[in-house]
Amino acid sequence: MSSEAPQNITRDVPRSSNLRGEFRQLFRLALPVVITQLGYMLFGVVDLLMVGRLDTEALSACVLGNSWVSGTMLVGMGLVFGMDPIVSQAHGAGDVRKLGRALQQGLVLALLASIPVALLWISTEQALLLFGQDPGSAALAQEYVTAQLPSIPCFLLFTALRQYLTCRGIVAPSLVVVLVANLLNAFSDWVLVFGNLGMPELGLVGAGITTSITRGSMLIMLAIWIMGAKLHHGAWVPWSRSAFKFSGLSEIIRHGMPIALYLSLEIWAFQIATYMAGWFEVTDLAAHGIVMNIASLSFMVPLGVSIGTVTRVGNLIGAGDPVGAQRTAWAATLMGGLAMSLCALTFVLFPTQILGLYTNQVAVIAAAAAILPLAALFQVFDGIQVVGCGVMRGMGRTRPAAVFNLIAYYGLALPIAWWLAFHLGMGLSGIWWGLFIGLGAVAAMLMVWIKRRGPATASSVLRAEKEASV
């Protein structure tokens, strides 16, 4: 990044006077983000598609390894996401200095967050054994995760750069970088997993190495794009000691810790459900992992809408239009719910075709087909709740979301899942019914909160909080 003095920026926040206009504005912002999120998810999908052609043991280890990687990486990502309300609201207010400083502090925090994540990844096998997983699968999962260790700081730094751009409404660079990275990932998997082009056949470890290479390339490509296209000009300040001061980092941490908490509570509810599935047969775990991957892939659509909502809500609040931000909240909720309804319909209409892409093992396909309709059931609730969390991130008020996730997942979903699966003997279906109930509960709580305390009340609420802190 250059060290030039900050320049003025134009506060360009498009307005709309009705729900239809807001829907168009949000769609324009969210569509490239949705495609980008699908691109992220395709990394894991390609790994499963490739590894699924090896054997059931490798597939199960890949499922376990990915569950640990995603569950722990989200802690670091959540901290970096603390940039979101700062950058989006600073952009809406035209605050150049705050924009540049927030990026610098986000990059510093990304490096710091890499350390605990790396320590957790080194302990993958021990953690999986504590969750009662098969020792052989846990050992294979450790090898898969260890190969990805160098990619931790790369991915978190990339996340900081991506959030900086996205919260300013600049979405094309991340989209293109992810699409190119997917081509690299698929080609590298083909070479290293199966030993093509004269390379050794590395199997599951090859998939881990490929993931690490891909994440590193994403950081390099996005950083070169930002500097080459001068995307930081007008939203940048020279590096100084202020970027490293705890007083500055603490603002991102103050926003990021609740985000990390609510994301962790949600993702770990699903990871624990995966470990519950691991208490059954290896075939059941593989089937659960495939359906979870399919559901996670469809989840990228409302997640992209949610990220677009963060930007739109934050920009409008920063520009002094909380009523417009409330309109965004309802438009985004409708968009997320409709998108997931279409995904659910696809699950119901084409189950065999979808599952056949992942594996050719008849027992795994049969087990997965039994629970795919349940995954379809909770799609709408999943879309609504992630958009609701995006609204709260744009407002910079994420603590209630953490409380809702704690109640819904750990007070309802997991206890009910255990009781149905093991006490009533419903097996995998019981686990998925429990998740359905939890998602319905958190979606309902978020919608009630947004109606009563949403962006339309942001100005008075934030002013009251500031007065209280003084």
Protein backbone atom coordinates (compact mmCIF):
# COMPACT_ATOMS: atom_id res chain seq x y z
CA MET A 1 0.00 0.00 0.00
CA SER A 2 1.25 3.45 -0.74
CA SER A 3 1.90 6.00 1.99
CA GLU A 4 0.16 8.89 0.28
CA ALA A 5 -1.96 11.32 2.26
CA PRO A 6 -5.66 10.62 2.54
CA GLN A 7 -7.88 12.00 -0.18
CA ASN A 8 -11.51 13.00 -0.08
CA ILE A 9 -14.06 10.43 -1.15
CA THR A 10 -17.55 10.91 -2.44
CA ARG A 11 -20.24 9.60 -0.16
CA ASP A 12 -22.15 7.65 -2.80
CA VAL A 13 -24.89 5.68 -1.08
CA PRO A 14 -27.82 5.00 -3.44
CA ARG A 15 -31.25 5.57 -1.87
CA SER A 16 -34.64 4.00 -2.57
CA SER A 17 -38.10 5.05 -1.46
CA ASN A 18 -39.87 1.68 -1.44
CA LEU A 19 -39.30 -2.01 -0.85
CA ARG A 20 -39.10 -2.83 -4.57
CA GLY A 21 -36.39 -0.22 -5.13
CA GLU A 22 -34.46 -1.46 -2.12
CA PHE A 23 -34.75 -4.99 -3.43
CA ARG A 24 -33.09 -3.88 -6.68
CA GLN A 25 -30.29 -2.05 -4.85
CA LEU A 26 -29.63 -5.04 -2.63
CA PHE A 27 -29.75 -7.49 -5.52
CA ARG A 28 -27.17 -5.43 -7.43
CA LEU A 29 -24.86 -5.52 -4.42
CA ALA A 30 -25.57 -9.07 -3.26
CA LEU A 31 -25.43 -11.01 -6.55
CA PRO A 32 -21.64 -10.82 -7.04
CA VAL A 33 -21.17 -11.53 -3.34
CA VAL A 34 -23.39 -14.62 -3.62
CA ILE A 35 -21.31 -15.88 -6.55
CA THR A 36 -18.15 -15.19 -4.54
CA GLN A 37 -19.48 -17.13 -1.54
CA LEU A 38 -20.42 -20.04 -3.76
CA GLY A 39 -16.87 -19.91 -5.05
CA TYR A 40 -15.50 -20.22 -1.51
CA MET A 41 -17.71 -23.19 -0.80
CA LEU A 42 -16.70 -24.91 -4.03
CA PHE A 43 -13.21 -25.40 -2.59
CA GLY A 44 -14.60 -27.84 -0.03
CA VAL A 45 -17.02 -29.36 -2.52
CA VAL A 46 -14.21 -30.15 -4.96
CA ASP A 47 -12.16 -31.70 -2.14
CA LEU A 48 -15.10 -33.96 -1.22
CA LEU A 49 -15.78 -34.83 -4.87
CA MET A 50 -12.14 -35.80 -5.40
CA VAL A 51 -11.61 -37.58 -2.08
CA GLY A 52 -14.99 -39.32 -2.40
CA ARG A 53 -13.51 -41.26 -5.31
CA LEU A 54 -10.83 -42.76 -3.03
CA ASP A 55 -12.61 -44.68 -0.25
CA THR A 56 -15.10 -44.23 2.60
CA GLU A 57 -12.32 -43.84 5.21
CA ALA A 58 -10.69 -40.96 3.34
CA LEU A 59 -14.09 -39.33 2.78
CA SER A 60 -14.95 -39.59 6.50
CA ALA A 61 -11.55 -38.14 7.47
CA CYS A 62 -12.09 -35.26 5.04
CA VAL A 63 -15.49 -34.56 6.64
CA LEU A 64 -13.97 -34.53 10.12
CA GLY A 65 -10.99 -32.42 9.07
CA ASN A 66 -13.17 -29.84 7.33
CA SER A 67 -15.46 -29.65 10.35
CA TRP A 68 -12.52 -28.81 12.62
CA VAL A 69 -10.98 -26.38 10.12
CA SER A 70 -14.18 -24.42 9.53
CA GLY A 71 -15.16 -24.41 13.20
CA THR A 72 -11.83 -22.99 14.34
CA MET A 73 -11.12 -20.67 11.41
CA LEU A 74 -14.44 -18.93 12.06
CA VAL A 75 -13.11 -17.67 15.38
CA GLY A 76 -10.36 -15.75 13.58
CA MET A 77 -12.72 -14.68 10.81
CA GLY A 78 -15.25 -13.42 13.33
CA LEU A 79 -12.65 -11.12 14.87
CA VAL A 80 -11.73 -9.75 11.44
CA PHE A 81 -15.45 -9.26 10.69
CA GLY A 82 -15.36 -6.67 13.46
CA MET A 83 -14.21 -4.35 10.65
CA ASP A 84 -17.62 -4.54 8.98
CA PRO A 85 -19.66 -1.94 10.89
CA ILE A 86 -16.63 0.36 11.15
CA VAL A 87 -15.78 0.30 7.44
CA SER A 88 -19.36 0.32 6.14
CA GLN A 89 -20.48 3.18 8.39
CA ALA A 90 -17.25 5.15 7.78
CA HIS A 91 -17.82 4.80 4.04
CA GLY A 92 -21.38 6.05 4.38
CA ALA A 93 -20.14 9.01 6.44
CA GLY A 94 -17.18 9.75 4.11
CA ASP A 95 -14.62 9.28 6.93
CA VAL A 96 -11.38 8.62 5.01
CA ARG A 97 -9.11 8.35 8.01
CA LYS A 98 -11.29 5.80 9.75
CA LEU A 99 -11.52 3.71 6.58
CA GLY A 100 -7.76 3.43 6.14
CA ARG A 101 -7.04 2.85 9.79
CA ALA A 102 -9.70 0.14 10.05
CA LEU A 103 -8.05 -1.82 7.23
CA GLN A 104 -4.62 -1.57 8.84
CA GLN A 105 -5.93 -2.67 12.20
CA GLY A 106 -7.85 -5.49 10.53
CA LEU A 107 -4.66 -6.76 8.88
CA VAL A 108 -2.79 -6.65 12.19
CA LEU A 109 -5.60 -8.47 13.94
CA ALA A 110 -5.69 -11.11 11.17
CA LEU A 111 -2.04 -11.96 11.85
CA LEU A 112 -2.59 -12.09 15.61
CA ALA A 113 -5.67 -14.31 15.22
CA SER A 114 -3.67 -16.77 13.10
CA ILE A 115 -1.68 -17.92 16.14
CA PRO A 116 -4.48 -19.50 18.23
CA VAL A 117 -6.07 -20.96 15.10
CA ALA A 118 -2.77 -22.66 14.19
CA LEU A 119 -2.47 -24.11 17.70
CA LEU A 120 -5.96 -25.57 17.39
CA TRP A 121 -5.16 -27.10 14.00
CA ILE A 122 -2.03 -28.76 15.38
CA SER A 123 -4.28 -30.44 17.95
CA THR A 124 -6.83 -31.76 15.44
CA GLU A 125 -6.35 -35.46 16.18
CA GLN A 126 -6.50 -35.02 19.96
CA ALA A 127 -9.63 -32.87 19.68
CA LEU A 128 -11.41 -35.38 17.45
CA LEU A 129 -10.54 -38.21 19.82
CA LEU A 130 -12.03 -36.19 22.68
CA PHE A 131 -15.24 -36.01 20.64
CA GLY A 132 -15.24 -39.81 20.44
CA GLN A 133 -14.28 -40.14 16.77
CA ASP A 134 -12.68 -43.20 15.20
CA PRO A 135 -8.89 -43.14 15.86
CA GLY A 136 -8.02 -44.03 12.27
CA SER A 137 -10.23 -41.28 10.85
CA ALA A 138 -8.86 -38.79 13.40
CA ALA A 139 -5.27 -39.59 12.41
CA LEU A 140 -6.04 -39.14 8.70
CA ALA A 141 -7.87 -35.88 9.45
CA GLN A 142 -4.77 -34.58 11.27
CA GLU A 143 -2.62 -35.17 8.18
CA TYR A 144 -5.18 -33.38 6.01
CA VAL A 145 -5.38 -30.37 8.35
CA THR A 146 -1.62 -30.16 8.95
CA ALA A 147 -1.08 -29.71 5.21
CA GLN A 148 -3.25 -26.57 5.42
CA LEU A 149 -1.38 -24.86 8.29
CA PRO A 150 0.56 -22.34 6.11
CA SER A 151 -2.72 -21.04 4.70
CA ILE A 152 -4.11 -19.67 7.99
CA PRO A 153 -2.58 -16.16 7.90
CA CYS A 154 -3.10 -16.03 4.13
CA PHE A 155 -6.82 -16.62 4.42
CA LEU A 156 -7.35 -14.24 7.35
CA LEU A 157 -5.39 -11.46 5.61
CA PHE A 158 -7.41 -12.10 2.47
CA THR A 159 -10.59 -11.86 4.57
CA ALA A 160 -9.54 -8.45 5.92
CA LEU A 161 -8.90 -7.13 2.39
CA ARG A 162 -12.16 -8.60 1.12
CA GLN A 163 -14.24 -7.05 3.93
CA TYR A 164 -12.56 -3.68 3.38
CA LEU A 165 -13.62 -3.72 -0.28
CA THR A 166 -17.05 -5.31 0.17
CA CYS A 167 -18.13 -2.88 2.89
CA ARG A 168 -17.33 -0.07 0.45
CA GLY A 169 -19.45 -1.70 -2.24
CA ILE A 170 -16.45 -2.96 -4.29
CA VAL A 171 -17.21 -6.62 -4.98
CA ALA A 172 -15.77 -7.47 -8.41
CA PRO A 173 -12.14 -8.12 -7.33
CA SER A 174 -13.06 -10.76 -4.74
CA LEU A 175 -15.41 -12.42 -7.22
CA VAL A 176 -12.80 -12.72 -9.97
CA VAL A 177 -10.08 -13.86 -7.56
CA VAL A 178 -12.29 -16.62 -6.16
CA LEU A 179 -13.30 -17.84 -9.63
CA VAL A 180 -9.67 -18.03 -10.74
CA ALA A 181 -8.69 -19.72 -7.46
CA ASN A 182 -11.36 -22.39 -8.02
CA LEU A 183 -9.79 -23.31 -11.35
CA LEU A 184 -6.40 -23.55 -9.64
CA ASN A 185 -7.87 -25.64 -6.80
CA ALA A 186 -9.61 -28.13 -9.11
CA PHE A 187 -6.53 -28.56 -11.30
CA SER A 188 -4.20 -28.94 -8.30
CA ASP A 189 -6.54 -31.50 -6.68
CA TRP A 190 -6.56 -33.51 -9.91
CA VAL A 191 -2.77 -33.47 -9.98
CA LEU A 192 -1.95 -34.08 -6.31
CA VAL A 193 -4.85 -36.26 -5.09
CA PHE A 194 -4.62 -38.76 -7.95
CA GLY A 195 -0.95 -38.33 -8.96
CA ASN A 196 -1.39 -36.97 -12.48
CA LEU A 197 1.27 -35.27 -14.67
CA GLY A 198 4.01 -37.33 -13.08
CA MET A 199 3.31 -36.15 -9.50
CA PRO A 200 3.02 -38.62 -6.61
CA GLU A 201 -0.47 -39.76 -5.62
CA LEU A 202 -0.95 -38.00 -2.27
CA GLY A 203 -4.63 -38.71 -1.70
CA LEU A 204 -6.18 -36.81 1.21
CA VAL A 205 -2.92 -35.00 2.03
CA GLY A 206 -2.78 -33.79 -1.57
CA ALA A 207 -6.20 -32.18 -1.11
CA GLY A 208 -4.87 -30.38 1.98
CA ILE A 209 -1.79 -29.11 0.15
CA THR A 210 -3.96 -27.88 -2.72
CA THR A 211 -6.20 -25.95 -0.31
CA SER A 212 -3.15 -24.29 1.23
CA ILE A 213 -1.76 -23.27 -2.16
CA THR A 214 -5.13 -21.91 -3.24
CA ARG A 215 -5.59 -19.72 -0.16
CA GLY A 216 -2.12 -18.26 -0.56
CA SER A 217 -2.79 -17.45 -4.21
CA MET A 218 -6.04 -15.68 -3.28
CA LEU A 219 -4.22 -13.30 -0.94
CA ILE A 220 -1.53 -12.52 -3.53
CA MET A 221 -4.02 -11.93 -6.34
CA LEU A 222 -6.30 -9.65 -4.29
CA ALA A 223 -3.41 -7.61 -2.85
CA ILE A 224 -1.93 -7.09 -6.35
CA TRP A 225 -5.35 -6.08 -7.67
CA ILE A 226 -5.91 -3.52 -4.89
CA MET A 227 -2.50 -1.91 -5.37
CA GLY A 228 -2.49 -2.12 -9.17
CA ALA A 229 -5.99 -0.65 -9.56
CA LYS A 230 -5.38 1.77 -6.66
CA LEU A 231 -8.60 0.69 -4.97
CA HIS A 232 -7.29 1.97 -1.65
CA HIS A 233 -6.82 5.52 -2.96
CA GLY A 234 -9.19 7.90 -1.26
CA ALA A 235 -9.77 5.43 1.57
CA TRP A 236 -6.28 5.11 3.01
CA VAL A 237 -3.88 6.75 5.46
CA PRO A 238 -0.12 6.17 5.83
CA TRP A 239 0.97 3.37 8.16
CA SER A 240 1.78 4.58 11.66
CA ARG A 241 1.97 3.32 15.23
CA SER A 242 -1.76 3.95 15.56
CA ALA A 243 -2.41 0.80 13.53
CA PHE A 244 -0.79 -1.29 16.27
CA LYS A 245 -2.24 0.42 19.33
CA PHE A 246 -4.57 -1.65 21.44
CA SER A 247 -7.01 1.26 21.70
CA GLY A 248 -7.57 1.00 17.95
CA LEU A 249 -7.53 -2.78 17.76
CA SER A 250 -9.97 -2.94 20.66
CA GLU A 251 -12.72 -1.27 18.62
CA ILE A 252 -12.57 -4.04 16.03
CA ILE A 253 -12.31 -6.64 18.79
CA ARG A 254 -15.33 -5.11 20.55
CA HIS A 255 -17.39 -5.64 17.40
CA GLY A 256 -15.62 -8.83 16.37
CA MET A 257 -15.83 -10.83 19.59
CA PRO A 258 -19.64 -11.06 19.56
CA ILE A 259 -19.49 -11.89 15.83
CA ALA A 260 -16.92 -14.62 16.51
CA LEU A 261 -19.08 -15.85 19.37
CA TYR A 262 -22.35 -16.08 17.47
CA LEU A 263 -20.65 -17.59 14.41
CA SER A 264 -18.85 -20.10 16.62
CA LEU A 265 -22.01 -21.00 18.51
CA GLU A 266 -23.76 -21.67 15.21
CA ILE A 267 -20.99 -23.52 13.42
CA TRP A 268 -20.11 -25.60 16.46
CA ALA A 269 -23.69 -26.70 16.84
CA PHE A 270 -23.39 -28.20 13.37
CA GLN A 271 -19.91 -29.58 14.09
CA ILE A 272 -21.13 -31.26 17.25
CA ALA A 273 -23.97 -32.72 15.19
CA THR A 274 -21.31 -34.08 12.82
CA TYR A 275 -19.44 -35.65 15.73
CA MET A 276 -22.73 -37.19 16.90
CA ALA A 277 -23.04 -38.72 13.42
CA GLY A 278 -19.51 -40.06 13.93
CA TRP A 279 -20.80 -42.20 16.80
CA PHE A 280 -22.68 -44.27 14.23
CA GLU A 281 -21.09 -46.21 11.38
CA VAL A 282 -18.48 -44.71 9.03
CA THR A 283 -21.10 -44.87 6.27
CA ASP A 284 -23.48 -42.72 8.33
CA LEU A 285 -20.76 -40.13 8.96
CA ALA A 286 -19.93 -39.97 5.26
CA ALA A 287 -23.62 -39.56 4.39
CA HIS A 288 -24.08 -36.85 7.02
CA GLY A 289 -20.98 -35.04 5.75
CA ILE A 290 -22.23 -35.06 2.16
CA VAL A 291 -25.68 -33.70 3.07
CA MET A 292 -24.09 -31.10 5.34
CA ASN A 293 -21.86 -30.04 2.46
CA ILE A 294 -24.86 -29.75 0.13
CA ALA A 295 -26.75 -27.68 2.70
CA SER A 296 -23.66 -25.54 3.28
CA LEU A 297 -23.34 -24.94 -0.45
CA SER A 298 -26.91 -23.65 -0.69
CA PHE A 299 -26.29 -21.61 2.47
CA MET A 300 -23.74 -19.54 0.53
CA VAL A 301 -26.61 -17.87 -1.33
CA PRO A 302 -28.27 -16.22 1.71
CA LEU A 303 -24.83 -15.73 3.26
CA GLY A 304 -23.91 -13.63 0.23
CA VAL A 305 -27.16 -11.69 0.67
CA SER A 306 -26.25 -11.27 4.34
CA ILE A 307 -22.83 -9.82 3.50
CA GLY A 308 -24.44 -7.45 1.02
CA THR A 309 -26.89 -6.50 3.78
CA VAL A 310 -24.03 -5.68 6.15
CA THR A 311 -22.69 -3.21 3.60
CA ARG A 312 -26.05 -1.69 2.70
CA VAL A 313 -27.30 -1.31 6.28
CA GLY A 314 -23.97 0.11 7.50
CA ASN A 315 -23.71 2.55 4.58
CA LEU A 316 -27.24 3.85 5.12
CA ILE A 317 -26.80 4.24 8.87
CA GLY A 318 -23.50 6.05 8.29
CA ALA A 319 -25.24 8.31 5.78
CA GLY A 320 -27.94 9.16 8.33
CA ASP A 321 -30.79 7.08 6.83
CA PRO A 322 -31.82 4.47 9.45
CA VAL A 323 -35.33 4.18 7.97
CA GLY A 324 -33.80 3.20 4.63
CA ALA A 325 -31.63 0.67 6.47
CA GLN A 326 -34.77 -0.86 8.03
CA ARG A 327 -36.23 -1.17 4.53
CA THR A 328 -33.05 -2.99 3.51
CA ALA A 329 -33.51 -5.40 6.41
CA TRP A 330 -36.95 -6.51 5.22
CA ALA A 331 -35.93 -6.67 1.55
CA ALA A 332 -32.92 -8.81 2.45
CA THR A 333 -35.04 -11.13 4.61
CA LEU A 334 -37.44 -11.68 1.72
CA MET A 335 -34.56 -12.28 -0.69
CA GLY A 336 -32.86 -14.79 1.61
CA GLY A 337 -36.07 -16.70 2.27
CA LEU A 338 -36.99 -16.94 -1.41
CA ALA A 339 -33.50 -18.09 -2.39
CA MET A 340 -33.53 -20.90 0.16
CA SER A 341 -37.04 -21.96 -0.88
CA LEU A 342 -35.67 -22.59 -4.37
CA CYS A 343 -32.74 -24.55 -2.94
CA ALA A 344 -35.12 -26.69 -0.85
CA LEU A 345 -37.20 -27.44 -3.94
CA THR A 346 -34.04 -28.56 -5.78
CA PHE A 347 -33.16 -30.96 -2.94
CA VAL A 348 -36.62 -32.55 -3.10
CA LEU A 349 -36.79 -32.86 -6.89
CA PHE A 350 -33.27 -34.10 -7.66
CA PRO A 351 -31.89 -36.03 -4.63
CA THR A 352 -30.30 -38.94 -6.49
CA GLN A 353 -28.66 -36.74 -9.10
CA ILE A 354 -27.16 -34.45 -6.45
CA LEU A 355 -25.87 -37.24 -4.21
CA GLY A 356 -24.42 -39.14 -7.16
CA LEU A 357 -22.00 -36.27 -7.77
CA TYR A 358 -20.31 -36.93 -4.42
CA THR A 359 -19.87 -40.68 -4.33
CA ASN A 360 -20.64 -43.90 -6.19
CA GLN A 361 -20.99 -45.93 -2.97
CA VAL A 362 -24.58 -47.22 -2.80
CA ALA A 363 -24.76 -47.47 1.00
CA VAL A 364 -23.63 -43.88 1.47
CA ILE A 365 -26.10 -42.59 -1.14
CA ALA A 366 -28.98 -44.48 0.51
CA ALA A 367 -28.16 -43.09 3.95
CA ALA A 368 -27.80 -39.56 2.60
CA ALA A 369 -31.06 -39.77 0.64
CA ALA A 370 -32.92 -40.47 3.89
CA ILE A 371 -31.86 -37.16 5.48
CA LEU A 372 -31.66 -34.84 2.45
CA PRO A 373 -35.42 -33.99 2.70
CA LEU A 374 -34.83 -32.84 6.30
CA ALA A 375 -32.04 -30.56 5.08
CA ALA A 376 -34.53 -29.14 2.59
CA LEU A 377 -36.99 -28.42 5.41
CA PHE A 378 -34.72 -26.05 7.33
CA GLN A 379 -33.45 -24.13 4.30
CA VAL A 380 -35.90 -21.22 4.65
CA PHE A 381 -35.16 -20.78 8.37
CA ASP A 382 -31.42 -20.93 7.63
CA GLY A 383 -31.74 -18.18 5.03
CA ILE A 384 -33.76 -15.91 7.32
CA GLN A 385 -31.44 -16.26 10.31
CA VAL A 386 -28.21 -15.52 8.42
CA VAL A 387 -29.73 -12.40 6.83
CA GLY A 388 -30.91 -11.28 10.27
CA CYS A 389 -27.37 -11.63 11.58
CA GLY A 390 -26.16 -9.52 8.63
CA VAL A 391 -28.55 -6.73 9.61
CA MET A 392 -27.16 -6.76 13.14
CA ARG A 393 -23.57 -6.72 11.89
CA GLY A 394 -24.30 -3.68 9.76
CA MET A 395 -25.70 -1.97 12.84
CA GLY A 396 -22.71 -3.01 14.95
CA ARG A 397 -25.06 -4.74 17.42
CA THR A 398 -24.17 -8.43 17.37
CA ARG A 399 -24.43 -9.44 21.03
CA PRO A 400 -28.13 -10.35 20.85
CA ALA A 401 -27.38 -12.71 17.95
CA ALA A 402 -24.91 -14.58 20.15
CA VAL A 403 -27.52 -14.92 22.89
CA PHE A 404 -30.14 -16.16 20.41
CA ASN A 405 -27.72 -18.77 19.01
CA LEU A 406 -26.84 -19.97 22.50
CA ILE A 407 -30.51 -20.47 23.39
CA ALA A 408 -31.61 -21.98 20.07
CA TYR A 409 -28.73 -24.34 19.39
CA TYR A 410 -27.57 -25.37 22.84
CA GLY A 411 -30.87 -25.07 24.70
CA LEU A 412 -32.97 -26.66 21.96
CA ALA A 413 -31.26 -28.07 18.85
CA LEU A 414 -28.49 -30.23 20.29
CA PRO A 415 -30.38 -31.65 23.31
CA ILE A 416 -33.35 -32.51 21.08
CA ALA A 417 -31.02 -33.97 18.42
CA TRP A 418 -29.34 -36.23 20.99
CA TRP A 419 -32.67 -37.31 22.52
CA LEU A 420 -34.22 -38.14 19.14
CA ALA A 421 -31.12 -39.82 17.68
CA PHE A 422 -30.00 -41.92 20.63
CA HIS A 423 -32.86 -42.12 23.13
CA LEU A 424 -35.64 -42.68 20.59
CA GLY A 425 -33.32 -44.44 18.15
CA MET A 426 -34.06 -42.22 15.15
CA GLY A 427 -30.39 -42.16 14.10
CA LEU A 428 -29.24 -39.50 11.64
CA SER A 429 -32.82 -38.31 11.10
CA GLY A 430 -33.08 -37.40 14.78
CA ILE A 431 -29.97 -35.23 14.54
CA TRP A 432 -31.38 -33.33 11.56
CA TRP A 433 -34.79 -32.82 13.20
CA GLY A 434 -33.01 -31.23 16.14
CA LEU A 435 -31.13 -28.85 13.84
CA PHE A 436 -34.40 -27.94 12.11
CA ILE A 437 -36.01 -26.95 15.42
CA GLY A 438 -32.98 -24.88 16.46
CA LEU A 439 -32.83 -22.97 13.18
CA GLY A 440 -36.54 -22.20 13.36
CA ALA A 441 -36.13 -20.80 16.86
CA VAL A 442 -33.16 -18.54 16.08
CA ALA A 443 -34.84 -17.23 12.91
CA ALA A 444 -37.96 -16.30 14.88
CA MET A 445 -35.98 -14.52 17.61
CA LEU A 446 -33.96 -12.51 15.10
CA MET A 447 -37.05 -11.35 13.21
CA VAL A 448 -38.75 -10.19 16.42
CA TRP A 449 -35.60 -8.30 17.46
CA ILE A 450 -35.22 -6.58 14.07
CA LYS A 451 -38.86 -5.50 14.14
CA ARG A 452 -38.50 -3.99 17.63
CA ARG A 453 -34.87 -2.85 17.72
CA GLY A 454 -33.81 -2.82 14.07
CA PRO A 455 -32.00 -0.16 11.99
CA ALA A 456 -34.92 2.30 12.20
CA THR A 457 -34.07 2.69 15.89
CA ALA A 458 -30.30 2.74 15.29
CA SER A 459 -29.76 6.47 15.77
CA SER A 460 -31.50 6.67 19.14
CA VAL A 461 -30.07 3.36 20.37
CA LEU A 462 -26.48 4.18 19.42
CA ARG A 463 -26.79 7.67 20.92
CA ALA A 464 -28.12 6.21 24.19
CA GLU A 465 -25.24 3.68 24.31
CA LYS A 466 -22.67 6.43 23.73
CA GLU A 467 -24.19 8.57 26.53
CA ALA A 468 -24.22 5.55 28.84
CA SER A 469 -20.54 4.81 28.14
CA VAL A 470 -19.65 8.42 28.97
